[in-house]
Amino acid sequence: MDWLDWLLLVARVVVVFFALLILVMLLIWMERKVIADMQTRVGPTRAGPRGVLITLADGIKLFFKEGITPALAGCCSGARCRSRSRTCRSASCGSSR
């Protein structure tokens, strides 16, 4: 493969990627409009033409969102957690500090 083939491949990948991004953005917008219609309210209309940019803003917010996990989040689960609740609070379920 020479450089022209690589350039065409990259261009195709970029075009498909952005087409899928726009498709997902429009599908989310349509879902919000349908749900708003079911609930008899206006729906997304505040940002951009007919509210389309709200979905883009939500995607950007999600991309930059920091994942915060509490220290004891993975400590216990289910019935084991109820039986070891004192242990989880006092000893942090055996994890080192």
Protein backbone atom coordinates (compact mmCIF):
# COMPACT_ATOMS: atom_id res chain seq x y z
CA MET A 1 0.00 0.00 0.00
CA ASP A 2 1.36 3.35 -0.94
CA TRP A 3 0.64 6.67 0.79
CA LEU A 4 -2.44 7.44 -1.32
CA ASP A 5 -4.14 4.24 -0.20
CA TRP A 6 -3.42 5.10 3.43
CA LEU A 7 -4.75 8.60 2.94
CA LEU A 8 -7.98 7.27 1.41
CA LEU A 9 -8.34 4.75 4.24
CA VAL A 10 -7.92 7.43 6.89
CA ALA A 11 -10.37 9.71 5.06
CA ARG A 12 -12.97 6.94 4.93
CA VAL A 13 -12.54 6.15 8.61
CA VAL A 14 -12.92 9.83 9.53
CA VAL A 15 -16.03 10.22 7.36
CA VAL A 16 -17.67 7.11 8.82
CA PHE A 17 -16.75 8.17 12.37
CA PHE A 18 -18.30 11.62 12.02
CA ALA A 19 -21.35 10.22 10.22
CA LEU A 20 -21.94 7.84 13.12
CA LEU A 21 -21.43 10.66 15.64
CA ILE A 22 -24.04 12.80 13.90
CA LEU A 23 -26.41 9.85 13.57
CA VAL A 24 -26.19 9.06 17.29
CA MET A 25 -26.64 12.73 18.17
CA LEU A 26 -29.79 12.94 16.03
CA LEU A 27 -31.19 9.68 17.41
CA ILE A 28 -30.76 10.94 20.98
CA TRP A 29 -32.40 14.23 20.01
CA MET A 30 -35.33 12.39 18.44
CA GLU A 31 -35.70 10.20 21.53
CA ARG A 32 -35.84 13.29 23.74
CA LYS A 33 -38.44 14.89 21.48
CA VAL A 34 -40.63 11.76 21.55
CA ILE A 35 -40.35 11.45 25.32
CA ALA A 36 -41.15 15.15 25.70
CA ASP A 37 -44.21 14.69 23.48
CA MET A 38 -45.36 11.72 25.59
CA GLN A 39 -45.04 13.85 28.71
CA THR A 40 -46.72 16.83 26.97
CA ARG A 41 -43.84 19.23 27.42
CA VAL A 42 -41.70 21.21 24.98
CA GLY A 43 -38.53 19.12 25.04
CA PRO A 44 -35.01 20.19 24.09
CA THR A 45 -35.27 23.63 22.46
CA ARG A 46 -32.82 25.84 24.34
CA ALA A 47 -29.47 25.37 22.58
CA GLY A 48 -28.94 25.54 18.85
CA PRO A 49 -31.45 25.01 16.10
CA ARG A 50 -34.42 23.13 17.60
CA GLY A 51 -32.28 21.91 20.53
CA VAL A 52 -29.86 19.71 18.57
CA LEU A 53 -26.78 21.14 20.31
CA ILE A 54 -27.97 19.98 23.75
CA THR A 55 -26.97 16.43 22.83
CA LEU A 56 -23.57 17.65 21.66
CA ALA A 57 -23.10 19.51 24.94
CA ASP A 58 -24.05 16.37 26.88
CA GLY A 59 -21.49 14.34 24.91
CA ILE A 60 -18.74 16.87 25.61
CA LYS A 61 -19.69 16.94 29.29
CA LEU A 62 -19.56 13.14 29.45
CA PHE A 63 -16.15 13.07 27.74
CA PHE A 64 -14.62 15.45 30.29
CA LYS A 65 -16.43 14.03 33.31
CA GLU A 66 -14.11 12.85 36.03
CA GLY A 67 -14.79 9.37 37.35
CA ILE A 68 -14.92 9.51 41.13
CA THR A 69 -15.27 6.27 43.07
CA PRO A 70 -15.74 6.33 46.85
CA ALA A 71 -13.08 4.53 48.87
CA LEU A 72 -15.45 1.79 50.05
CA ALA A 73 -17.48 1.45 46.85
CA GLY A 74 -16.20 -2.02 45.90
CA CYS A 75 -15.97 -3.15 49.48
CA CYS A 76 -18.96 -5.43 49.86
CA SER A 77 -21.99 -6.44 47.86
CA GLY A 78 -25.40 -7.92 48.62
CA ALA A 79 -25.93 -10.07 51.69
CA ARG A 80 -22.22 -10.14 52.42
CA CYS A 81 -22.25 -6.37 52.77
CA ARG A 82 -25.08 -6.40 55.27
CA SER A 83 -23.31 -8.98 57.39
CA ARG A 84 -19.95 -7.22 57.21
CA SER A 85 -21.11 -3.61 57.46
CA ARG A 86 -19.20 -2.99 60.69
CA THR A 87 -16.08 -4.53 59.17
CA CYS A 88 -16.32 -2.37 56.08
CA ARG A 89 -16.56 0.81 58.11
CA SER A 90 -13.80 -0.06 60.54
CA ALA A 91 -11.23 -1.99 58.52
CA SER A 92 -12.02 -0.90 54.98
CA CYS A 93 -12.57 -4.58 53.97
CA GLY A 94 -8.93 -5.48 54.11
CA SER A 95 -7.70 -2.99 51.54
CA SER A 96 -4.52 -1.19 52.41
CA ARG A 97 -4.66 2.54 53.05
